[in-house]
N, C-alpha and C. Protein backbone atom coordinates (compact mmCIF):
# COMPACT_ATOMS: atom_id res chain seq x y z
N UNK A 1 0.83 -1.18 0.00
CA UNK A 1 0.00 0.00 0.00
C UNK A 1 0.88 1.24 0.00
N UNK A 2 1.38 1.61 -1.11
CA UNK A 2 2.21 2.81 -1.16
C UNK A 2 1.34 4.04 -0.96
N UNK A 3 1.89 5.02 -0.30
CA UNK A 3 1.17 6.26 -0.07
C UNK A 3 0.31 6.25 1.19
N UNK A 4 0.22 5.13 1.87
CA UNK A 4 -0.56 5.05 3.10
C UNK A 4 0.20 5.74 4.22
N UNK A 5 -0.46 6.67 4.88
CA UNK A 5 0.18 7.39 5.97
C UNK A 5 -0.76 7.45 7.16
N UNK A 6 -0.23 7.16 8.31
CA UNK A 6 -1.00 7.26 9.55
C UNK A 6 -0.56 8.48 10.36
N UNK A 7 0.09 9.43 9.70
CA UNK A 7 0.63 10.60 10.39
C UNK A 7 -0.44 11.42 11.10
N UNK A 8 -1.66 11.41 10.58
CA UNK A 8 -2.72 12.22 11.17
C UNK A 8 -3.55 11.45 12.20
N UNK A 9 -3.23 10.20 12.41
CA UNK A 9 -3.97 9.38 13.37
C UNK A 9 -3.37 9.60 14.75
N UNK A 10 -4.04 10.41 15.54
CA UNK A 10 -3.53 10.80 16.86
C UNK A 10 -4.54 10.40 17.95
N UNK A 11 -4.10 10.38 19.19
CA UNK A 11 -5.05 10.13 20.28
C UNK A 11 -6.20 11.15 20.30
N UNK A 12 -5.90 12.39 19.96
CA UNK A 12 -6.94 13.43 19.93
C UNK A 12 -7.98 13.13 18.84
N UNK A 13 -7.52 12.69 17.69
CA UNK A 13 -8.44 12.34 16.61
C UNK A 13 -9.31 11.15 17.02
N UNK A 14 -8.71 10.17 17.69
CA UNK A 14 -9.48 9.02 18.15
C UNK A 14 -10.55 9.46 19.16
N UNK A 15 -10.22 10.37 20.04
CA UNK A 15 -11.18 10.86 21.03
C UNK A 15 -12.32 11.61 20.33
N UNK A 16 -11.99 12.45 19.37
CA UNK A 16 -13.02 13.18 18.62
C UNK A 16 -13.93 12.22 17.86
N UNK A 17 -13.34 11.21 17.25
CA UNK A 17 -14.12 10.21 16.52
C UNK A 17 -15.11 9.52 17.46
N UNK A 18 -14.64 9.13 18.62
CA UNK A 18 -15.48 8.44 19.58
C UNK A 18 -16.61 9.35 20.07
N UNK A 19 -16.30 10.60 20.36
CA UNK A 19 -17.31 11.55 20.83
C UNK A 19 -18.39 11.78 19.78
N UNK A 20 -18.00 11.85 18.53
CA UNK A 20 -18.95 12.13 17.45
C UNK A 20 -19.73 10.90 17.01
N UNK A 21 -19.18 9.73 17.19
CA UNK A 21 -19.85 8.52 16.69
C UNK A 21 -20.70 7.82 17.75
N UNK A 22 -20.55 8.20 19.01
CA UNK A 22 -21.23 7.47 20.07
C UNK A 22 -22.75 7.55 19.95
N UNK A 23 -23.28 8.67 19.55
CA UNK A 23 -24.73 8.82 19.47
C UNK A 23 -25.36 7.97 18.38
N UNK A 24 -24.70 7.85 17.25
CA UNK A 24 -25.31 7.15 16.12
C UNK A 24 -24.70 5.77 15.90
N UNK A 25 -23.43 5.72 15.59
CA UNK A 25 -22.79 4.44 15.26
C UNK A 25 -22.83 3.46 16.43
N UNK A 26 -22.52 3.93 17.60
CA UNK A 26 -22.45 3.06 18.78
C UNK A 26 -23.83 2.49 19.10
N UNK A 27 -24.84 3.33 19.10
CA UNK A 27 -26.20 2.89 19.40
C UNK A 27 -26.67 1.87 18.37
N UNK A 28 -26.45 2.16 17.09
CA UNK A 28 -26.88 1.23 16.04
C UNK A 28 -26.06 -0.05 16.07
N UNK A 29 -24.78 0.06 16.42
CA UNK A 29 -23.94 -1.13 16.54
C UNK A 29 -24.43 -2.07 17.63
N UNK A 30 -24.85 -1.50 18.76
CA UNK A 30 -25.38 -2.33 19.85
C UNK A 30 -26.67 -3.01 19.42
N UNK A 31 -27.51 -2.30 18.66
CA UNK A 31 -28.74 -2.92 18.15
C UNK A 31 -28.42 -4.07 17.21
N UNK A 32 -27.45 -3.85 16.33
CA UNK A 32 -27.06 -4.89 15.38
C UNK A 32 -26.57 -6.13 16.11
N UNK A 33 -25.74 -5.95 17.10
CA UNK A 33 -25.23 -7.09 17.86
C UNK A 33 -26.39 -7.86 18.50
N UNK A 34 -27.36 -7.13 19.04
CA UNK A 34 -28.52 -7.79 19.63
C UNK A 34 -29.31 -8.59 18.62
N UNK A 35 -29.49 -8.06 17.43
CA UNK A 35 -30.26 -8.74 16.39
C UNK A 35 -29.52 -9.94 15.81
N UNK A 36 -28.22 -9.92 15.85
CA UNK A 36 -27.45 -11.04 15.30
C UNK A 36 -27.57 -12.29 16.17
N UNK A 37 -27.96 -12.11 17.41
CA UNK A 37 -28.12 -13.23 18.35
C UNK A 37 -26.88 -14.12 18.36
N UNK A 38 -25.75 -13.50 18.56
CA UNK A 38 -24.48 -14.22 18.57
C UNK A 38 -24.43 -15.13 19.79
N UNK A 39 -24.03 -16.36 19.56
CA UNK A 39 -23.99 -17.38 20.62
C UNK A 39 -22.55 -17.80 20.87
N UNK A 40 -22.31 -18.43 22.02
CA UNK A 40 -20.96 -18.94 22.29
C UNK A 40 -20.52 -19.86 21.15
N UNK A 41 -19.28 -19.67 20.73
CA UNK A 41 -18.75 -20.46 19.64
C UNK A 41 -18.81 -19.74 18.30
N UNK A 42 -19.67 -18.71 18.19
CA UNK A 42 -19.73 -17.91 16.97
C UNK A 42 -18.49 -17.03 16.89
N UNK A 43 -18.15 -16.59 15.71
CA UNK A 43 -16.99 -15.72 15.50
C UNK A 43 -17.44 -14.40 14.90
N UNK A 44 -16.79 -13.32 15.32
CA UNK A 44 -17.09 -11.98 14.82
C UNK A 44 -15.78 -11.36 14.36
N UNK A 45 -15.79 -10.81 13.16
CA UNK A 45 -14.62 -10.09 12.64
C UNK A 45 -15.05 -8.65 12.42
N UNK A 46 -14.45 -7.73 13.12
CA UNK A 46 -14.77 -6.30 13.03
C UNK A 46 -13.65 -5.61 12.28
N UNK A 47 -13.90 -5.25 11.05
CA UNK A 47 -12.90 -4.56 10.23
C UNK A 47 -13.25 -3.07 10.22
N UNK A 48 -12.27 -2.25 10.55
CA UNK A 48 -12.53 -0.82 10.64
C UNK A 48 -13.24 -0.52 11.95
N UNK A 49 -12.70 -1.01 13.03
CA UNK A 49 -13.38 -0.96 14.32
C UNK A 49 -13.28 0.39 15.03
N UNK A 50 -12.72 1.38 14.37
CA UNK A 50 -12.61 2.69 15.03
C UNK A 50 -11.78 2.58 16.28
N UNK A 51 -12.30 3.06 17.38
CA UNK A 51 -11.56 3.02 18.64
C UNK A 51 -11.81 1.73 19.42
N UNK A 52 -12.68 0.88 18.93
CA UNK A 52 -12.97 -0.37 19.60
C UNK A 52 -14.02 -0.27 20.69
N UNK A 53 -14.71 0.86 20.77
CA UNK A 53 -15.70 1.09 21.81
C UNK A 53 -16.81 0.04 21.80
N UNK A 54 -17.30 -0.31 20.62
CA UNK A 54 -18.37 -1.29 20.54
C UNK A 54 -17.89 -2.67 21.00
N UNK A 55 -16.68 -3.03 20.65
CA UNK A 55 -16.14 -4.32 21.10
C UNK A 55 -16.02 -4.35 22.61
N UNK A 56 -15.59 -3.25 23.20
CA UNK A 56 -15.46 -3.19 24.66
C UNK A 56 -16.84 -3.28 25.32
N UNK A 57 -17.84 -2.70 24.70
CA UNK A 57 -19.20 -2.76 25.24
C UNK A 57 -19.74 -4.18 25.18
N UNK A 58 -19.31 -4.93 24.20
CA UNK A 58 -19.83 -6.28 23.98
C UNK A 58 -18.86 -7.31 24.52
N UNK A 59 -18.55 -7.24 25.77
CA UNK A 59 -17.56 -8.12 26.39
C UNK A 59 -17.92 -9.59 26.27
N UNK A 60 -19.19 -9.88 26.08
CA UNK A 60 -19.59 -11.29 25.97
C UNK A 60 -19.16 -11.89 24.64
N UNK A 61 -18.76 -11.03 23.70
CA UNK A 61 -18.32 -11.51 22.39
C UNK A 61 -16.82 -11.71 22.38
N UNK A 62 -16.39 -12.68 21.64
CA UNK A 62 -14.97 -12.82 21.35
C UNK A 62 -14.81 -12.27 19.95
N UNK A 63 -14.15 -11.14 19.84
CA UNK A 63 -14.05 -10.46 18.54
C UNK A 63 -12.60 -10.20 18.20
N UNK A 64 -12.31 -10.23 16.94
CA UNK A 64 -11.01 -9.83 16.43
C UNK A 64 -11.23 -8.53 15.69
N UNK A 65 -10.56 -7.49 16.11
CA UNK A 65 -10.72 -6.19 15.47
C UNK A 65 -9.42 -5.86 14.73
N UNK A 66 -9.52 -5.50 13.48
CA UNK A 66 -8.36 -5.16 12.67
C UNK A 66 -8.33 -3.66 12.42
N UNK A 67 -7.24 -3.03 12.73
CA UNK A 67 -7.06 -1.62 12.39
C UNK A 67 -5.58 -1.34 12.28
N UNK A 68 -5.20 -0.43 11.42
CA UNK A 68 -3.78 -0.22 11.15
C UNK A 68 -3.06 0.71 12.11
N UNK A 69 -3.77 1.32 13.05
CA UNK A 69 -3.10 2.30 13.91
C UNK A 69 -3.26 1.92 15.38
N UNK A 70 -2.41 2.50 16.22
CA UNK A 70 -2.45 2.19 17.64
C UNK A 70 -3.52 2.96 18.40
N UNK A 71 -4.25 3.90 17.78
CA UNK A 71 -5.22 4.76 18.49
C UNK A 71 -6.63 4.28 18.28
């Protein structure tokens, strides 16, 4: 992936993303998880997981979250 830069990915940007997405994305994500009726033994792959807030909220799930940055 030439030209890929994570120079602008900062802790402050992650905090702003979380603050702005919590009302809509987070609420809808929790609804989606409820509707999926995930059971023990099921697998979840979260690509583009943002700050991982939804994964942390869903502690009953075993999820693998892929993201290219540490924030």
